[in-house]
Amino acid sequence: MPLSKDWFWGLGTWTSKDGVLRGYESGPRRHGPVKLRRFELGDGVVTYEFRLERDADAAGIIFNGSQERGHLVHLLVTRKEIRILAHPEKGKSIDLLREKITLPSQEWHPVKIVFQGPEVKVNFNGKSWTVKHPAIGETKQNFGFGGNSGGPTGEKAGAIEFRNLKIHAQS
């Protein structure tokens, strides 16, 4: 099933089947797979599940401002750590959280993200983290799924998958 026109930009190869968005690297290696979708959000709740296949070792979601502003906040989960990064200005990032974890062996990993002003709370693997930064409170104009799918040899190296995406904007 093709994605809606709201999914407007990407790197790598992305497919959608049975409610699962699947991405992997393709072509010359420049960056892991990324797929962006338009969705304006201030405060709200975002939930989804992800899965890493074979050599894939990271999955994340990034929230962006305008094209001129760039990235705002980024959640990245690897097999060994969880990171929340703020982007105070275009081209710069700072770690708000970087903690060692062991990714559980279950196939699908649920994530819940709650935005409230300059604060974000992330629930993952039975734990919660809350961080604060002014960039988090900026209006998010789009978001993207992405990660490291295992390298430039494409789908045979690995893939990242996302499903059950729900976004609830709060006024």
N, C-alpha and C. Protein backbone atom coordinates (compact mmCIF):
# COMPACT_ATOMS: atom_id res chain seq x y z
N MET A 1 0.85 -1.18 0.00
CA MET A 1 0.00 0.00 0.00
C MET A 1 0.89 1.24 0.00
N PRO A 2 0.68 2.16 -0.92
CA PRO A 2 1.51 3.37 -0.95
C PRO A 2 1.22 4.27 0.25
N LEU A 3 2.25 5.00 0.66
CA LEU A 3 2.08 5.96 1.74
C LEU A 3 1.35 7.19 1.24
N SER A 4 0.67 7.89 2.15
CA SER A 4 -0.01 9.13 1.78
C SER A 4 1.01 10.18 1.38
N LYS A 5 0.53 11.23 0.71
CA LYS A 5 1.42 12.31 0.27
C LYS A 5 1.99 13.09 1.45
N ASP A 6 1.45 12.88 2.66
CA ASP A 6 2.01 13.53 3.84
C ASP A 6 3.40 12.99 4.20
N TRP A 7 3.71 11.77 3.74
CA TRP A 7 5.06 11.24 3.87
C TRP A 7 5.84 11.79 2.67
N PHE A 8 6.61 12.86 2.90
CA PHE A 8 7.07 13.67 1.78
C PHE A 8 8.53 13.54 1.41
N TRP A 9 9.36 12.91 2.22
CA TRP A 9 10.78 12.88 1.92
C TRP A 9 11.40 11.68 2.62
N GLY A 10 12.45 11.13 2.02
CA GLY A 10 13.12 10.02 2.67
C GLY A 10 14.46 9.68 2.07
N LEU A 11 15.21 8.92 2.83
CA LEU A 11 16.45 8.30 2.38
C LEU A 11 16.29 6.80 2.54
N GLY A 12 16.91 6.03 1.67
CA GLY A 12 16.77 4.59 1.73
C GLY A 12 15.50 4.14 1.05
N THR A 13 15.15 2.89 1.26
CA THR A 13 13.94 2.31 0.67
C THR A 13 12.93 2.08 1.78
N TRP A 14 11.67 2.51 1.54
CA TRP A 14 10.60 2.37 2.52
C TRP A 14 9.40 1.69 1.87
N THR A 15 8.82 0.75 2.59
CA THR A 15 7.60 0.09 2.13
C THR A 15 6.59 0.09 3.26
N SER A 16 5.33 -0.04 2.89
CA SER A 16 4.26 -0.12 3.86
C SER A 16 3.39 -1.33 3.52
N LYS A 17 3.24 -2.23 4.50
CA LYS A 17 2.43 -3.43 4.28
C LYS A 17 1.82 -3.86 5.61
N ASP A 18 0.52 -4.10 5.60
CA ASP A 18 -0.20 -4.57 6.80
C ASP A 18 0.04 -3.67 8.01
N GLY A 19 0.09 -2.36 7.78
CA GLY A 19 0.25 -1.41 8.87
C GLY A 19 1.67 -1.26 9.40
N VAL A 20 2.65 -1.86 8.72
CA VAL A 20 4.05 -1.78 9.15
C VAL A 20 4.84 -0.96 8.13
N LEU A 21 5.54 0.07 8.62
CA LEU A 21 6.43 0.88 7.80
C LEU A 21 7.84 0.31 7.97
N ARG A 22 8.45 -0.11 6.85
CA ARG A 22 9.73 -0.81 6.87
C ARG A 22 10.76 -0.02 6.07
N GLY A 23 11.93 0.21 6.66
CA GLY A 23 12.98 0.95 5.97
C GLY A 23 14.33 0.26 6.05
N TYR A 24 15.11 0.46 4.99
CA TYR A 24 16.48 -0.06 4.99
C TYR A 24 17.32 0.80 4.04
N GLU A 25 18.64 0.74 4.24
CA GLU A 25 19.55 1.51 3.39
C GLU A 25 19.54 0.96 1.98
N SER A 26 19.67 1.87 1.03
CA SER A 26 19.80 1.47 -0.37
C SER A 26 20.63 2.53 -1.08
N GLY A 27 21.36 2.14 -2.08
CA GLY A 27 22.21 3.09 -2.79
C GLY A 27 23.49 3.35 -2.03
N PRO A 28 24.28 4.32 -2.50
CA PRO A 28 25.55 4.63 -1.84
C PRO A 28 25.31 5.05 -0.39
N ARG A 29 26.13 4.55 0.52
CA ARG A 29 25.94 4.85 1.94
C ARG A 29 26.22 6.33 2.20
N ARG A 30 25.19 7.01 2.71
CA ARG A 30 25.34 8.39 3.15
C ARG A 30 24.75 8.53 4.54
N HIS A 31 23.70 7.76 4.79
CA HIS A 31 22.89 7.96 5.98
C HIS A 31 21.98 6.75 6.10
N GLY A 32 21.62 6.39 7.30
CA GLY A 32 20.62 5.33 7.48
C GLY A 32 19.28 5.75 6.91
N PRO A 33 18.33 4.82 6.82
CA PRO A 33 17.03 5.16 6.26
C PRO A 33 16.28 6.16 7.14
N VAL A 34 15.61 7.11 6.50
CA VAL A 34 14.80 8.13 7.17
C VAL A 34 13.56 8.36 6.33
N LYS A 35 12.41 8.52 6.97
CA LYS A 35 11.18 8.86 6.25
C LYS A 35 10.45 9.93 7.04
N LEU A 36 10.18 11.07 6.39
CA LEU A 36 9.54 12.22 7.05
C LEU A 36 8.07 12.33 6.69
N ARG A 37 7.29 12.81 7.67
CA ARG A 37 5.85 13.03 7.48
C ARG A 37 5.46 14.38 8.04
N ARG A 38 4.63 15.10 7.29
CA ARG A 38 4.10 16.38 7.76
C ARG A 38 3.07 16.11 8.86
N PHE A 39 3.21 16.80 9.98
CA PHE A 39 2.22 16.73 11.05
C PHE A 39 2.61 17.79 12.07
N GLU A 40 1.82 18.87 12.15
CA GLU A 40 2.15 19.93 13.09
C GLU A 40 1.72 19.52 14.49
N LEU A 41 2.60 19.74 15.46
CA LEU A 41 2.35 19.32 16.83
C LEU A 41 3.02 20.28 17.79
N GLY A 42 2.28 20.70 18.78
CA GLY A 42 2.83 21.44 19.92
C GLY A 42 2.94 20.46 21.07
N ASP A 43 2.01 20.58 22.04
CA ASP A 43 1.92 19.60 23.11
C ASP A 43 1.13 18.40 22.61
N GLY A 44 1.47 17.22 23.10
CA GLY A 44 0.73 16.04 22.68
C GLY A 44 1.44 14.76 23.06
N VAL A 45 0.83 13.66 22.63
CA VAL A 45 1.33 12.32 22.94
C VAL A 45 1.55 11.56 21.64
N VAL A 46 2.71 10.94 21.52
CA VAL A 46 3.05 10.12 20.35
C VAL A 46 3.38 8.72 20.86
N THR A 47 2.72 7.72 20.29
CA THR A 47 3.03 6.33 20.63
C THR A 47 3.29 5.55 19.34
N TYR A 48 4.17 4.58 19.44
CA TYR A 48 4.46 3.69 18.31
C TYR A 48 5.23 2.49 18.84
N GLU A 49 5.45 1.52 17.98
CA GLU A 49 6.30 0.38 18.28
C GLU A 49 7.35 0.27 17.19
N PHE A 50 8.53 -0.25 17.55
CA PHE A 50 9.55 -0.48 16.54
C PHE A 50 10.17 -1.86 16.72
N ARG A 51 10.82 -2.30 15.65
CA ARG A 51 11.52 -3.59 15.67
C ARG A 51 12.80 -3.45 14.85
N LEU A 52 13.87 -4.09 15.31
CA LEU A 52 15.15 -4.13 14.60
C LEU A 52 15.36 -5.54 14.06
N GLU A 53 15.70 -5.65 12.79
CA GLU A 53 15.94 -6.96 12.17
C GLU A 53 17.41 -7.13 11.84
N ARG A 54 17.90 -8.34 12.03
CA ARG A 54 19.26 -8.74 11.71
C ARG A 54 20.29 -7.74 12.26
N ASP A 55 21.10 -7.12 11.39
CA ASP A 55 22.17 -6.23 11.85
C ASP A 55 21.70 -4.82 12.18
N ALA A 56 20.43 -4.52 12.01
CA ALA A 56 19.93 -3.20 12.40
C ALA A 56 20.19 -3.00 13.89
N ASP A 57 20.67 -1.81 14.26
CA ASP A 57 20.98 -1.62 15.68
C ASP A 57 20.48 -0.31 16.26
N ALA A 58 19.64 0.43 15.53
CA ALA A 58 19.12 1.69 16.08
C ALA A 58 17.83 2.07 15.37
N ALA A 59 16.90 2.60 16.16
CA ALA A 59 15.65 3.14 15.61
C ALA A 59 15.31 4.40 16.38
N GLY A 60 14.77 5.38 15.67
CA GLY A 60 14.46 6.62 16.35
C GLY A 60 13.37 7.40 15.66
N ILE A 61 13.02 8.50 16.32
CA ILE A 61 12.05 9.43 15.78
C ILE A 61 12.62 10.83 16.01
N ILE A 62 12.52 11.67 14.99
CA ILE A 62 13.03 13.03 15.09
C ILE A 62 11.90 13.99 14.76
N PHE A 63 11.84 15.09 15.51
CA PHE A 63 10.82 16.12 15.29
C PHE A 63 11.53 17.38 14.81
N ASN A 64 10.98 17.99 13.75
CA ASN A 64 11.62 19.12 13.09
C ASN A 64 10.73 20.34 13.11
N GLY A 65 11.37 21.51 13.07
CA GLY A 65 10.66 22.76 12.85
C GLY A 65 10.59 23.02 11.36
N SER A 66 10.64 24.29 10.98
CA SER A 66 10.63 24.65 9.56
C SER A 66 11.91 24.15 8.90
N GLN A 67 11.94 24.20 7.58
CA GLN A 67 13.14 23.79 6.86
C GLN A 67 14.33 24.65 7.28
N GLU A 68 14.08 25.94 7.51
CA GLU A 68 15.15 26.84 7.94
C GLU A 68 15.61 26.51 9.36
N ARG A 69 14.70 26.11 10.23
CA ARG A 69 15.02 25.82 11.63
C ARG A 69 15.71 24.46 11.77
N GLY A 70 15.19 23.46 11.07
CA GLY A 70 15.79 22.13 11.15
C GLY A 70 15.28 21.32 12.33
N HIS A 71 16.13 20.39 12.80
CA HIS A 71 15.76 19.47 13.88
C HIS A 71 15.48 20.21 15.18
N LEU A 72 14.53 19.66 15.98
CA LEU A 72 14.23 20.20 17.31
C LEU A 72 14.61 19.22 18.41
N VAL A 73 14.08 18.01 18.32
CA VAL A 73 14.33 17.00 19.35
C VAL A 73 14.31 15.62 18.71
N HIS A 74 15.10 14.71 19.26
CA HIS A 74 15.35 13.42 18.64
C HIS A 74 15.43 12.36 19.74
N LEU A 75 14.70 11.27 19.57
CA LEU A 75 14.81 10.11 20.45
C LEU A 75 15.45 8.99 19.65
N LEU A 76 16.52 8.41 20.18
CA LEU A 76 17.22 7.33 19.50
C LEU A 76 17.41 6.18 20.48
N VAL A 77 16.98 4.99 20.07
CA VAL A 77 17.16 3.78 20.88
C VAL A 77 18.02 2.82 20.09
N THR A 78 19.14 2.42 20.70
CA THR A 78 20.00 1.41 20.10
C THR A 78 19.92 0.14 20.94
N ARG A 79 20.62 -0.87 20.53
CA ARG A 79 20.63 -2.11 21.32
C ARG A 79 21.33 -1.90 22.67
N LYS A 80 22.09 -0.78 22.81
CA LYS A 80 22.89 -0.57 24.02
C LYS A 80 22.57 0.71 24.78
N GLU A 81 21.84 1.66 24.17
CA GLU A 81 21.57 2.92 24.88
C GLU A 81 20.32 3.61 24.36
N ILE A 82 19.83 4.52 25.21
CA ILE A 82 18.74 5.40 24.81
C ILE A 82 19.27 6.82 24.90
N ARG A 83 18.93 7.63 23.88
CA ARG A 83 19.39 9.02 23.84
C ARG A 83 18.21 9.94 23.52
N ILE A 84 18.20 11.08 24.17
CA ILE A 84 17.30 12.17 23.80
C ILE A 84 18.20 13.36 23.52
N LEU A 85 18.09 13.90 22.31
CA LEU A 85 18.92 15.03 21.90
C LEU A 85 18.04 16.23 21.61
N ALA A 86 18.51 17.40 22.01
CA ALA A 86 17.88 18.66 21.62
C ALA A 86 18.77 19.31 20.57
N HIS A 87 18.13 20.09 19.72
CA HIS A 87 18.85 20.81 18.67
C HIS A 87 18.56 22.30 18.88
N PRO A 88 19.43 23.00 19.66
CA PRO A 88 19.17 24.40 19.99
C PRO A 88 19.17 25.33 18.79
N GLU A 89 19.89 24.93 17.74
CA GLU A 89 19.87 25.68 16.48
C GLU A 89 20.25 24.71 15.37
N LYS A 90 19.98 25.13 14.14
CA LYS A 90 20.25 24.25 13.01
C LYS A 90 21.71 23.82 12.99
N GLY A 91 21.94 22.52 12.85
CA GLY A 91 23.29 21.99 12.76
C GLY A 91 23.96 21.70 14.09
N LYS A 92 23.28 21.96 15.22
CA LYS A 92 23.87 21.70 16.53
C LYS A 92 22.97 20.77 17.32
N SER A 93 23.60 19.91 18.12
CA SER A 93 22.82 19.02 18.98
C SER A 93 23.51 18.88 20.33
N ILE A 94 22.69 18.62 21.35
CA ILE A 94 23.21 18.34 22.69
C ILE A 94 22.45 17.16 23.26
N ASP A 95 23.18 16.31 23.98
CA ASP A 95 22.54 15.18 24.65
C ASP A 95 21.84 15.68 25.91
N LEU A 96 20.54 15.46 25.99
CA LEU A 96 19.81 15.72 27.23
C LEU A 96 19.78 14.46 28.08
N LEU A 97 19.86 13.32 27.43
CA LEU A 97 19.89 12.03 28.11
C LEU A 97 20.70 11.06 27.27
N ARG A 98 21.56 10.34 27.93
CA ARG A 98 22.30 9.26 27.28
C ARG A 98 22.54 8.21 28.35
N GLU A 99 21.80 7.11 28.24
CA GLU A 99 21.84 6.10 29.29
C GLU A 99 21.97 4.71 28.68
N LYS A 100 22.81 3.90 29.31
CA LYS A 100 22.97 2.51 28.85
C LYS A 100 21.70 1.73 29.14
N ILE A 101 21.29 0.91 28.18
CA ILE A 101 20.16 0.01 28.34
C ILE A 101 20.52 -1.32 27.70
N THR A 102 19.72 -2.30 27.95
CA THR A 102 19.79 -3.55 27.21
C THR A 102 18.45 -3.69 26.52
N LEU A 103 18.47 -3.67 25.21
CA LEU A 103 17.21 -3.77 24.47
C LEU A 103 16.63 -5.16 24.71
N PRO A 104 15.39 -5.23 25.20
CA PRO A 104 14.80 -6.54 25.47
C PRO A 104 14.67 -7.36 24.19
N SER A 105 14.62 -8.66 24.37
CA SER A 105 14.64 -9.55 23.21
C SER A 105 13.29 -9.67 22.51
N GLN A 106 12.24 -9.06 23.07
CA GLN A 106 10.94 -9.12 22.40
C GLN A 106 11.05 -8.51 21.01
N GLU A 107 10.18 -8.91 20.13
CA GLU A 107 10.26 -8.41 18.76
C GLU A 107 9.90 -6.94 18.65
N TRP A 108 8.75 -6.55 19.19
CA TRP A 108 8.27 -5.17 19.06
C TRP A 108 8.48 -4.43 20.37
N HIS A 109 8.95 -3.18 20.27
CA HIS A 109 9.27 -2.37 21.44
C HIS A 109 8.37 -1.13 21.47
N PRO A 110 7.45 -1.04 22.44
CA PRO A 110 6.56 0.13 22.50
C PRO A 110 7.27 1.36 23.07
N VAL A 111 6.92 2.52 22.50
CA VAL A 111 7.47 3.81 22.91
C VAL A 111 6.31 4.78 23.11
N LYS A 112 6.38 5.58 24.18
CA LYS A 112 5.40 6.65 24.41
C LYS A 112 6.18 7.93 24.69
N ILE A 113 5.83 8.99 23.96
CA ILE A 113 6.48 10.29 24.10
C ILE A 113 5.41 11.32 24.43
N VAL A 114 5.60 12.08 25.51
CA VAL A 114 4.63 13.10 25.91
C VAL A 114 5.33 14.46 25.88
N PHE A 115 4.84 15.36 25.02
CA PHE A 115 5.36 16.72 24.93
C PHE A 115 4.47 17.65 25.75
N GLN A 116 5.08 18.43 26.65
CA GLN A 116 4.36 19.44 27.43
C GLN A 116 5.26 20.65 27.55
N GLY A 117 5.01 21.66 26.71
CA GLY A 117 5.88 22.84 26.71
C GLY A 117 7.31 22.45 26.39
N PRO A 118 8.29 22.95 27.19
CA PRO A 118 9.70 22.65 26.91
C PRO A 118 10.15 21.30 27.48
N GLU A 119 9.19 20.48 27.91
CA GLU A 119 9.51 19.21 28.55
C GLU A 119 9.01 18.04 27.71
N VAL A 120 9.78 16.96 27.70
CA VAL A 120 9.34 15.73 27.05
C VAL A 120 9.59 14.57 28.02
N LYS A 121 8.59 13.69 28.10
CA LYS A 121 8.68 12.48 28.91
C LYS A 121 8.65 11.29 27.96
N VAL A 122 9.60 10.39 28.10
CA VAL A 122 9.68 9.20 27.26
C VAL A 122 9.49 7.97 28.15
N ASN A 123 8.56 7.10 27.76
CA ASN A 123 8.37 5.81 28.42
C ASN A 123 8.83 4.73 27.46
N PHE A 124 9.74 3.88 27.96
CA PHE A 124 10.26 2.79 27.13
C PHE A 124 10.76 1.67 28.03
N ASN A 125 10.39 0.45 27.73
CA ASN A 125 10.92 -0.72 28.42
C ASN A 125 10.73 -0.64 29.93
N GLY A 126 9.56 -0.13 30.36
CA GLY A 126 9.25 -0.08 31.79
C GLY A 126 9.89 1.06 32.55
N LYS A 127 10.59 1.94 31.87
CA LYS A 127 11.22 3.09 32.52
C LYS A 127 10.70 4.39 31.91
N SER A 128 10.85 5.47 32.67
CA SER A 128 10.47 6.80 32.18
C SER A 128 11.63 7.76 32.38
N TRP A 129 11.79 8.65 31.43
CA TRP A 129 12.78 9.72 31.51
C TRP A 129 12.09 11.02 31.15
N THR A 130 12.41 12.09 31.86
CA THR A 130 11.87 13.41 31.55
C THR A 130 13.04 14.37 31.42
N VAL A 131 13.04 15.13 30.32
CA VAL A 131 14.09 16.13 30.08
C VAL A 131 13.42 17.43 29.64
N LYS A 132 14.18 18.52 29.74
CA LYS A 132 13.62 19.83 29.43
C LYS A 132 14.63 20.63 28.61
N HIS A 133 14.13 21.33 27.59
CA HIS A 133 14.97 22.22 26.79
C HIS A 133 14.03 23.12 25.98
N PRO A 134 14.35 24.40 25.78
CA PRO A 134 13.47 25.29 25.02
C PRO A 134 13.12 24.77 23.62
N ALA A 135 14.04 24.07 22.95
CA ALA A 135 13.75 23.56 21.60
C ALA A 135 12.57 22.60 21.59
N ILE A 136 12.38 21.87 22.69
CA ILE A 136 11.29 20.90 22.78
C ILE A 136 9.94 21.59 22.71
N GLY A 137 9.85 22.81 23.24
CA GLY A 137 8.60 23.55 23.25
C GLY A 137 8.24 24.23 21.94
N GLU A 138 9.16 24.23 20.98
CA GLU A 138 8.86 24.84 19.68
C GLU A 138 7.86 23.98 18.92
N THR A 139 7.11 24.62 18.01
CA THR A 139 6.14 23.87 17.20
C THR A 139 6.86 22.92 16.27
N LYS A 140 6.45 21.67 16.35
CA LYS A 140 7.01 20.64 15.49
C LYS A 140 6.19 20.60 14.20
N GLN A 141 6.83 20.77 13.04
CA GLN A 141 6.10 20.81 11.77
C GLN A 141 6.08 19.48 11.04
N ASN A 142 7.03 18.62 11.36
CA ASN A 142 7.05 17.27 10.78
C ASN A 142 7.87 16.38 11.68
N PHE A 143 7.77 15.09 11.44
CA PHE A 143 8.57 14.13 12.19
C PHE A 143 9.07 13.08 11.23
N GLY A 144 10.08 12.36 11.66
CA GLY A 144 10.62 11.30 10.82
C GLY A 144 11.02 10.09 11.62
N PHE A 145 10.79 8.93 11.04
CA PHE A 145 11.32 7.68 11.58
C PHE A 145 12.64 7.40 10.89
N GLY A 146 13.56 6.77 11.60
CA GLY A 146 14.82 6.41 10.98
C GLY A 146 15.66 5.57 11.90
N GLY A 147 16.90 5.37 11.50
CA GLY A 147 17.82 4.59 12.32
C GLY A 147 18.96 4.03 11.51
N ASN A 148 19.57 3.00 12.07
CA ASN A 148 20.65 2.29 11.39
C ASN A 148 20.15 0.89 11.09
N SER A 149 19.98 0.59 9.81
CA SER A 149 19.40 -0.69 9.41
C SER A 149 20.44 -1.77 9.16
N GLY A 150 21.70 -1.49 9.39
CA GLY A 150 22.71 -2.54 9.26
C GLY A 150 23.75 -2.31 8.20
N GLY A 151 23.60 -1.27 7.40
CA GLY A 151 24.65 -0.97 6.43
C GLY A 151 24.17 -0.91 5.00
N PRO A 152 25.10 -0.55 4.10
CA PRO A 152 24.75 -0.24 2.72
C PRO A 152 24.43 -1.45 1.85
N THR A 153 24.50 -2.66 2.39
CA THR A 153 24.17 -3.82 1.54
C THR A 153 22.67 -4.03 1.44
N GLY A 154 21.89 -3.10 1.98
CA GLY A 154 20.45 -3.14 1.78
C GLY A 154 19.70 -4.04 2.74
N GLU A 155 18.58 -4.52 2.26
CA GLU A 155 17.65 -5.25 3.12
C GLU A 155 18.25 -6.54 3.69
N LYS A 156 19.19 -7.15 2.97
CA LYS A 156 19.77 -8.39 3.50
C LYS A 156 20.61 -8.12 4.74
N ALA A 157 21.11 -6.88 4.91
CA ALA A 157 21.85 -6.53 6.13
C ALA A 157 20.91 -6.38 7.31
N GLY A 158 19.76 -5.79 7.08
CA GLY A 158 18.81 -5.57 8.15
C GLY A 158 17.78 -4.53 7.76
N ALA A 159 16.81 -4.34 8.64
CA ALA A 159 15.76 -3.35 8.40
C ALA A 159 15.23 -2.86 9.74
N ILE A 160 14.63 -1.67 9.70
CA ILE A 160 13.92 -1.14 10.87
C ILE A 160 12.45 -1.06 10.50
N GLU A 161 11.60 -1.38 11.47
CA GLU A 161 10.16 -1.37 11.21
C GLU A 161 9.45 -0.60 12.32
N PHE A 162 8.36 0.06 11.92
CA PHE A 162 7.54 0.84 12.84
C PHE A 162 6.08 0.50 12.59
N ARG A 163 5.28 0.49 13.67
CA ARG A 163 3.85 0.24 13.52
C ARG A 163 3.10 0.90 14.68
N ASN A 164 1.77 0.88 14.55
CA ASN A 164 0.86 1.39 15.59
C ASN A 164 1.16 2.83 15.99
N LEU A 165 1.48 3.68 15.01
CA LEU A 165 1.72 5.09 15.27
C LEU A 165 0.40 5.78 15.61
N LYS A 166 0.40 6.48 16.75
CA LYS A 166 -0.76 7.28 17.15
C LYS A 166 -0.24 8.62 17.67
N ILE A 167 -0.86 9.70 17.21
CA ILE A 167 -0.49 11.04 17.65
C ILE A 167 -1.74 11.74 18.15
N HIS A 168 -1.69 12.21 19.39
CA HIS A 168 -2.82 12.93 19.99
C HIS A 168 -2.33 14.33 20.36
N ALA A 169 -2.73 15.31 19.56
CA ALA A 169 -2.37 16.70 19.85
C ALA A 169 -3.22 17.20 21.01
N GLN A 170 -2.62 17.99 21.90
CA GLN A 170 -3.34 18.59 23.02
C GLN A 170 -3.31 20.10 22.85
N SER A 171 -4.46 20.71 23.13
CA SER A 171 -4.51 22.17 22.95
C SER A 171 -4.00 22.90 24.16
